[in-house]
Amino acid sequence: MQNQYIIPIFVPHLGCPNDCVFCNQRSISGKTKQVTSADVKKIIHEYLETFKNEDATKEVAFFGGSFTGIEPEKQEELLQAAYEYVENGDIDSIRISTRPDYIDKDTLKRLKKYKVKTIELGVQSSNDYILSIAKRGHTFEDVKKASKLIKRYGFNLGHQMMVGLPDSTKLDELNTAKDLAKLKPKMMRIYPVLVIKNTKLAEMYESGEYIPISLEQAIETCKELYYFFEKKHINIIRMGLQNTDLISNPENIESEVLAGPYHEAFGQLVESRIWYDSIVNKIKQFNVKVKEVEIELNPRDVNHVIGHKKENVQKLKDFYDVDIKIVQNEKKMPGKFDLKILKTFSDFYEENKNAVKK
């Protein structure tokens, strides 16, 4: 059963001083009207009515724009509306996302007042040249200063980075991961760059100045980033933008996505690829040619093992001629599995030989 609920509240473009080349917050969030305290209370109330697990933690998350760039009075209005639910025990915490150049001591004191627990910084890259091409309006030095200050004030620190920015290579993105790990964030979000309509990046794409990375490139890079952050004990809480009516398949007429590595289940594709690698590595540890294996795992992991549209099952069959049998066990820890051989190729040949004799 779900042990945490997130109540997302989008504040598109509020507080954001400029438009990054990739950004159209109104498209990304699916929202165009600005948010009021009444909206905050209405959203929280509606979400609370849908939650079934009373023991799960509940968090209000202000996404979009740059929350701490909003005028202080508006920040207080929105925070106060959410804080009322913290005071009466209906929600457990509040998180915000913002720009690294909009963090200072006064801002952090204000967030502390309203019991904000987590602050996520939109970093995107640690390479100042790439940040300038993306028109971020800040440097990586701003990220370092803000991250250290956030941790000093006792907040949970989150970072957001992007894969596939203009002039960014896979090496740049791995270097960004290394630079961010040194700042010790508690969590990460990784977003492959999508070309959104009515952005500077859309102009660059249409002129041929920018070529998006492929879906396969995005999956493989995010997989490597996952492995890296896992070794550093940094939790990846999301890979890929949240799907909305506007952020959807570019083939949909209402989609604001023009191009790029879009997939409605991008995070699942990456996780399934990770599971596939783990299964193949375990099979390779056996000193025999394997024909059929049994994989015992928690029910919540079944879809990751099977893969999107049974991709993993098919790849194991096509590349290794291995069939898999899934055994679900709720006592297994999520993310872990046991693998045992049901049949080797020697067994398979012996069976066929005996069948011919008969």
Protein backbone atom coordinates (compact mmCIF):
# COMPACT_ATOMS: atom_id res chain seq x y z
CA MET A 1 0.00 0.00 0.00
CA GLN A 2 1.22 3.51 -0.79
CA ASN A 3 3.15 5.02 2.13
CA GLN A 4 3.40 8.60 0.88
CA TYR A 5 0.97 10.91 -0.89
CA ILE A 6 2.04 14.05 -2.75
CA ILE A 7 -0.42 16.91 -3.26
CA PRO A 8 0.99 18.88 -6.23
CA ILE A 9 0.20 22.58 -6.52
CA PHE A 10 1.58 24.28 -9.63
CA VAL A 11 2.50 27.96 -9.62
CA PRO A 12 3.54 28.44 -13.28
CA HIS A 13 6.01 31.25 -13.96
CA LEU A 14 5.35 32.97 -10.65
CA GLY A 15 8.67 34.34 -9.50
CA CYS A 16 10.64 33.19 -12.55
CA PRO A 17 12.84 36.06 -13.79
CA ASN A 18 13.44 34.73 -17.29
CA ASP A 19 12.48 32.07 -19.81
CA CYS A 20 15.05 29.31 -20.16
CA VAL A 21 15.33 28.03 -23.72
CA PHE A 22 13.49 24.80 -22.86
CA CYS A 23 10.82 26.28 -20.65
CA ASN A 24 7.16 27.06 -21.05
CA GLN A 25 5.93 26.50 -17.50
CA ARG A 26 2.30 26.89 -18.43
CA SER A 27 2.66 23.96 -20.82
CA ILE A 28 4.80 21.89 -18.46
CA SER A 29 2.42 22.28 -15.54
CA GLY A 30 -0.75 22.20 -17.59
CA LYS A 31 -1.87 25.34 -15.79
CA THR A 32 -2.42 28.88 -17.04
CA LYS A 33 -4.24 30.70 -14.20
CA GLN A 34 -2.30 31.85 -11.17
CA VAL A 35 -2.88 30.23 -7.81
CA THR A 36 -4.58 31.79 -4.78
CA SER A 37 -4.84 30.66 -1.17
CA ALA A 38 -8.39 29.52 -1.89
CA ASP A 39 -7.07 27.36 -4.75
CA VAL A 40 -4.47 25.82 -2.41
CA LYS A 41 -7.10 24.87 0.16
CA LYS A 42 -9.45 23.50 -2.50
CA ILE A 43 -6.70 21.34 -4.05
CA ILE A 44 -5.56 20.00 -0.68
CA HIS A 45 -9.11 19.21 0.39
CA GLU A 46 -9.87 17.38 -2.87
CA TYR A 47 -6.73 15.26 -2.64
CA LEU A 48 -7.26 14.40 1.02
CA GLU A 49 -10.68 12.97 0.19
CA THR A 50 -9.11 10.50 -2.25
CA PHE A 51 -6.38 9.15 0.05
CA LYS A 52 -7.09 5.64 1.33
CA ASN A 53 -4.07 4.80 3.47
CA GLU A 54 -4.52 6.74 6.71
CA ASP A 55 -1.01 5.84 7.89
CA ALA A 56 0.72 7.26 4.80
CA THR A 57 2.58 10.55 5.06
CA LYS A 58 1.08 13.45 3.13
CA GLU A 59 3.04 16.31 1.61
CA VAL A 60 2.01 19.48 -0.21
CA ALA A 61 4.46 20.27 -3.02
CA PHE A 62 4.62 23.68 -4.72
CA PHE A 63 5.98 22.99 -8.21
CA GLY A 64 6.65 25.16 -11.23
CA GLY A 65 8.08 28.63 -11.56
CA SER A 66 10.48 29.67 -8.82
CA PHE A 67 8.63 29.73 -5.54
CA THR A 68 11.08 31.86 -3.57
CA GLY A 69 11.18 34.41 -6.39
CA ILE A 70 7.55 35.27 -5.75
CA GLU A 71 6.98 38.48 -3.81
CA PRO A 72 7.15 37.64 -0.07
CA GLU A 73 3.50 38.52 0.52
CA LYS A 74 2.35 36.01 -2.10
CA GLN A 75 4.69 33.36 -0.71
CA GLU A 76 3.19 33.86 2.74
CA GLU A 77 -0.35 33.69 1.35
CA LEU A 78 0.24 30.31 -0.31
CA LEU A 79 2.34 28.88 2.51
CA GLN A 80 -0.15 29.94 5.17
CA ALA A 81 -2.95 28.16 3.31
CA ALA A 82 -0.96 24.92 3.29
CA TYR A 83 0.40 25.40 6.80
CA GLU A 84 -3.11 25.33 8.26
CA TYR A 85 -3.30 21.67 7.23
CA VAL A 86 0.08 20.99 8.84
CA GLU A 87 -1.13 22.57 12.08
CA ASN A 88 -4.29 20.48 12.24
CA GLY A 89 -2.42 17.28 11.32
CA ASP A 90 -4.07 16.63 7.96
CA ILE A 91 -0.72 16.85 6.14
CA ASP A 92 2.77 16.16 7.39
CA SER A 93 5.00 18.52 5.44
CA ILE A 94 5.49 21.07 2.65
CA ARG A 95 8.06 21.15 -0.13
CA ILE A 96 8.90 23.82 -2.69
CA SER A 97 10.99 24.02 -5.84
CA THR A 98 12.94 27.09 -6.83
CA ARG A 99 16.00 28.57 -8.51
CA PRO A 100 19.41 28.46 -6.79
CA ASP A 101 19.89 32.23 -7.18
CA TYR A 102 16.69 32.89 -5.20
CA ILE A 103 17.87 31.44 -1.91
CA ASP A 104 19.08 33.60 0.99
CA LYS A 105 18.89 33.61 4.77
CA ASP A 106 15.70 35.72 4.98
CA THR A 107 13.96 33.42 2.50
CA LEU A 108 14.96 30.32 4.43
CA LYS A 109 13.76 31.83 7.69
CA ARG A 110 10.38 32.48 6.06
CA LEU A 111 10.16 28.88 4.84
CA LYS A 112 11.10 27.61 8.31
CA LYS A 113 8.27 29.64 9.80
CA TYR A 114 5.76 27.64 7.74
CA LYS A 115 7.41 24.28 8.42
CA VAL A 116 8.64 23.72 4.87
CA LYS A 117 10.65 20.50 5.00
CA THR A 118 12.19 20.08 1.54
CA ILE A 119 13.65 22.53 -0.98
CA GLU A 120 14.38 21.36 -4.52
CA LEU A 121 16.75 23.39 -6.68
CA GLY A 122 16.51 23.46 -10.46
CA VAL A 123 20.18 22.92 -11.28
CA GLN A 124 19.95 21.39 -14.78
CA SER A 125 23.75 21.31 -15.33
CA SER A 126 26.97 22.04 -13.47
CA ASN A 127 28.61 23.28 -16.66
CA ASP A 128 28.47 27.09 -16.78
CA TYR A 129 28.75 27.15 -20.57
CA ILE A 130 25.72 24.86 -20.93
CA LEU A 131 23.81 26.92 -18.36
CA SER A 132 24.53 30.05 -20.40
CA ILE A 133 23.39 28.40 -23.66
CA ALA A 134 20.20 27.35 -21.86
CA LYS A 135 19.78 30.96 -20.63
CA ARG A 136 19.42 29.83 -17.02
CA GLY A 137 20.60 33.18 -15.66
CA HIS A 138 22.74 31.67 -12.90
CA THR A 139 26.02 29.79 -12.53
CA PHE A 140 26.97 26.58 -10.77
CA GLU A 141 28.55 28.68 -8.03
CA ASP A 142 25.01 29.84 -7.19
CA VAL A 143 23.98 26.18 -6.90
CA LYS A 144 26.81 25.41 -4.49
CA LYS A 145 26.08 28.42 -2.28
CA ALA A 146 22.33 27.74 -2.17
CA SER A 147 22.76 24.01 -1.51
CA LYS A 148 25.11 24.60 1.42
CA LEU A 149 22.82 27.25 2.90
CA ILE A 150 19.74 25.03 2.58
CA LYS A 151 21.46 22.17 4.38
CA ARG A 152 22.82 24.52 7.06
CA TYR A 153 19.26 25.61 7.87
CA GLY A 154 18.16 22.00 8.27
CA PHE A 155 16.03 21.51 5.14
CA ASN A 156 16.04 18.37 3.01
CA LEU A 157 17.91 19.27 -0.18
CA GLY A 158 16.76 18.09 -3.59
CA HIS A 159 18.33 18.69 -6.99
CA GLN A 160 16.86 18.59 -10.47
CA MET A 161 19.06 18.00 -13.53
CA MET A 162 18.40 17.68 -17.25
CA VAL A 163 19.64 15.30 -19.92
CA GLY A 164 20.01 16.50 -23.50
CA LEU A 165 20.40 20.27 -23.11
CA PRO A 166 21.87 22.17 -26.10
CA ASP A 167 25.58 21.38 -26.49
CA SER A 168 25.44 18.97 -23.54
CA THR A 169 26.99 15.52 -23.97
CA LYS A 170 26.60 12.34 -21.96
CA LEU A 171 29.97 13.10 -20.37
CA ASP A 172 28.73 16.55 -19.32
CA GLU A 173 25.71 14.95 -17.67
CA LEU A 174 27.78 12.37 -15.82
CA ASN A 175 30.07 15.18 -14.67
CA THR A 176 27.02 17.11 -13.46
CA ALA A 177 25.99 14.07 -11.43
CA LYS A 178 29.45 13.92 -9.85
CA ASP A 179 29.38 17.64 -9.04
CA LEU A 180 25.92 17.38 -7.47
CA ALA A 181 26.82 14.32 -5.41
CA LYS A 182 29.55 16.37 -3.72
CA LEU A 183 26.81 18.70 -2.44
CA LYS A 184 25.04 15.70 -0.86
CA PRO A 185 21.40 16.21 -1.90
CA LYS A 186 18.93 13.80 -0.35
CA MET A 187 17.02 13.32 -3.60
CA MET A 188 17.22 13.86 -7.36
CA ARG A 189 14.87 14.40 -10.26
CA ILE A 190 16.17 13.75 -13.78
CA TYR A 191 14.39 15.24 -16.77
CA PRO A 192 15.24 14.43 -20.41
CA VAL A 193 14.83 17.60 -22.44
CA LEU A 194 11.63 17.82 -24.47
CA VAL A 195 11.12 20.45 -27.13
CA ILE A 196 8.05 22.38 -25.99
CA LYS A 197 6.11 24.64 -28.35
CA ASN A 198 6.53 28.40 -28.00
CA THR A 199 10.02 28.18 -26.52
CA LYS A 200 13.42 29.31 -27.76
CA LEU A 201 14.37 25.64 -27.99
CA ALA A 202 11.48 25.08 -30.41
CA GLU A 203 12.95 27.78 -32.65
CA MET A 204 16.39 26.16 -32.39
CA TYR A 205 14.88 22.78 -33.26
CA GLU A 206 12.94 24.05 -36.26
CA SER A 207 16.01 25.84 -37.61
CA GLY A 208 18.17 22.74 -37.20
CA GLU A 209 20.35 24.38 -34.55
CA TYR A 210 19.25 21.84 -31.92
CA ILE A 211 18.80 18.09 -32.38
CA PRO A 212 17.06 16.30 -29.49
CA ILE A 213 18.53 13.09 -28.10
CA SER A 214 16.68 9.90 -28.95
CA LEU A 215 14.51 7.98 -26.51
CA GLU A 216 17.14 5.22 -26.40
CA GLN A 217 19.90 7.73 -25.59
CA ALA A 218 17.78 9.24 -22.82
CA ILE A 219 17.03 5.83 -21.29
CA GLU A 220 20.67 4.74 -21.33
CA THR A 221 21.97 8.01 -19.87
CA CYS A 222 19.34 8.03 -17.14
CA LYS A 223 20.18 4.41 -16.37
CA GLU A 224 23.84 5.30 -15.86
CA LEU A 225 22.86 8.27 -13.70
CA TYR A 226 20.65 5.97 -11.63
CA TYR A 227 23.55 3.59 -11.00
CA PHE A 228 25.79 6.49 -10.01
CA PHE A 229 23.36 8.11 -7.58
CA GLU A 230 22.42 4.74 -6.11
CA LYS A 231 26.09 4.13 -5.21
CA LYS A 232 26.13 7.56 -3.55
CA HIS A 233 22.93 6.69 -1.60
CA ILE A 234 21.02 9.56 -3.25
CA ASN A 235 17.39 8.73 -3.99
CA ILE A 236 16.02 9.40 -7.50
CA ILE A 237 12.39 10.33 -6.95
CA ARG A 238 11.46 10.96 -10.59
CA MET A 239 12.74 10.45 -14.14
CA GLY A 240 10.83 12.24 -16.90
CA LEU A 241 8.21 14.98 -16.84
CA GLN A 242 4.79 14.31 -15.35
CA ASN A 243 2.26 13.57 -18.09
CA THR A 244 -0.54 16.10 -18.46
CA ASP A 245 -3.09 16.94 -21.12
CA LEU A 246 -0.45 19.21 -22.69
CA ILE A 247 2.68 17.13 -22.01
CA SER A 248 1.73 14.06 -23.99
CA ASN A 249 2.59 12.21 -27.18
CA PRO A 250 3.66 14.74 -29.86
CA GLU A 251 1.27 12.97 -32.23
CA ASN A 252 -1.66 14.24 -30.15
CA ILE A 253 -3.00 17.45 -31.63
CA GLU A 254 -3.35 19.09 -28.20
CA SER A 255 0.16 18.15 -27.06
CA GLU A 256 2.62 20.98 -26.45
CA VAL A 257 5.52 18.59 -27.05
CA LEU A 258 7.11 19.24 -30.43
CA ALA A 259 9.95 16.69 -30.29
CA GLY A 260 12.36 14.91 -27.98
CA PRO A 261 12.53 11.63 -26.01
CA TYR A 262 8.92 11.64 -24.87
CA HIS A 263 7.32 8.48 -23.48
CA GLU A 264 4.27 8.28 -21.25
CA ALA A 265 6.09 5.75 -19.03
CA PHE A 266 9.65 7.03 -19.27
CA GLY A 267 10.54 6.25 -15.67
CA GLN A 268 9.26 2.70 -16.06
CA LEU A 269 11.36 2.25 -19.21
CA VAL A 270 14.50 3.17 -17.28
CA GLU A 271 13.62 1.02 -14.28
CA SER A 272 12.79 -1.91 -16.53
CA ARG A 273 16.17 -1.55 -18.26
CA ILE A 274 17.86 -1.61 -14.85
CA TRP A 275 15.97 -4.76 -13.88
CA TYR A 276 16.89 -6.36 -17.20
CA ASP A 277 20.57 -5.70 -16.59
CA SER A 278 20.32 -7.19 -13.09
CA ILE A 279 18.62 -10.34 -14.37
CA VAL A 280 21.15 -10.83 -17.18
CA ASN A 281 24.06 -10.31 -14.78
CA LYS A 282 22.69 -12.97 -12.41
CA ILE A 283 22.15 -15.42 -15.25
CA LYS A 284 25.74 -14.86 -16.43
CA GLN A 285 27.02 -15.83 -12.98
CA PHE A 286 25.90 -19.41 -13.58
CA ASN A 287 28.46 -21.71 -15.19
CA VAL A 288 25.86 -23.39 -17.35
CA LYS A 289 23.84 -22.42 -20.39
CA VAL A 290 20.43 -21.49 -19.00
CA LYS A 291 17.15 -22.24 -20.77
CA GLU A 292 14.49 -21.36 -18.17
CA VAL A 293 14.67 -19.43 -14.90
CA GLU A 294 12.30 -18.57 -12.06
CA ILE A 295 12.29 -15.04 -10.68
CA GLU A 296 10.74 -14.57 -7.24
CA LEU A 297 9.93 -10.97 -6.32
CA ASN A 298 7.51 -8.57 -4.69
CA PRO A 299 4.27 -8.09 -6.70
CA ARG A 300 4.93 -4.36 -7.13
CA ASP A 301 8.07 -5.17 -9.14
CA VAL A 302 6.45 -7.50 -11.65
CA ASN A 303 5.84 -4.84 -14.30
CA HIS A 304 9.46 -3.70 -14.12
CA VAL A 305 10.72 -7.25 -14.68
CA ILE A 306 8.35 -7.95 -17.55
CA GLY A 307 9.09 -4.54 -19.08
CA HIS A 308 6.94 -2.15 -21.07
CA LYS A 309 4.89 -4.22 -23.53
CA LYS A 310 6.84 -7.29 -22.28
CA GLU A 311 10.05 -5.86 -23.70
CA ASN A 312 12.32 -7.58 -21.15
CA VAL A 313 10.68 -10.97 -21.62
CA GLN A 314 11.13 -10.70 -25.37
CA LYS A 315 14.74 -9.49 -25.17
CA LEU A 316 15.73 -12.37 -22.88
CA LYS A 317 14.18 -14.76 -25.38
CA ASP A 318 15.69 -13.10 -28.46
CA PHE A 319 19.24 -12.49 -27.20
CA TYR A 320 19.77 -15.32 -24.71
CA ASP A 321 17.03 -17.84 -25.57
CA VAL A 322 15.96 -17.75 -21.94
CA ASP A 323 12.36 -18.13 -20.77
CA ILE A 324 11.32 -16.65 -17.42
CA LYS A 325 8.70 -17.70 -14.89
CA ILE A 326 7.50 -15.05 -12.42
CA VAL A 327 6.69 -15.99 -8.82
CA GLN A 328 5.15 -13.24 -6.70
CA ASN A 329 5.94 -13.11 -2.99
CA GLU A 330 4.70 -10.21 -0.88
CA LYS A 331 7.33 -11.02 1.74
CA LYS A 332 10.14 -10.17 -0.68
CA MET A 333 11.61 -6.73 -0.21
CA PRO A 334 10.68 -4.41 -3.13
CA GLY A 335 13.61 -3.97 -5.47
CA LYS A 336 15.08 -7.38 -4.60
CA PHE A 337 14.63 -10.74 -6.30
CA ASP A 338 15.79 -14.34 -6.20
CA LEU A 339 16.63 -16.17 -9.40
CA LYS A 340 16.96 -19.93 -9.78
CA ILE A 341 17.46 -22.21 -12.74
CA LEU A 342 14.47 -24.28 -13.75
CA LYS A 343 16.06 -25.77 -16.83
CA THR A 344 19.48 -25.72 -18.47
CA PHE A 345 20.11 -26.34 -22.16
CA SER A 346 21.49 -29.74 -21.18
CA ASP A 347 18.13 -30.56 -19.60
CA PHE A 348 16.39 -29.24 -22.70
CA TYR A 349 18.47 -31.38 -25.07
CA GLU A 350 18.00 -34.46 -22.89
CA GLU A 351 14.23 -34.00 -22.86
CA ASN A 352 14.14 -33.63 -26.63
CA LYS A 353 16.40 -36.66 -27.10
CA ASN A 354 14.16 -38.80 -24.91
CA ALA A 355 11.08 -37.55 -26.71
CA VAL A 356 12.60 -38.59 -30.06
CA LYS A 357 13.44 -42.06 -28.73
CA LYS A 358 9.87 -42.58 -27.65
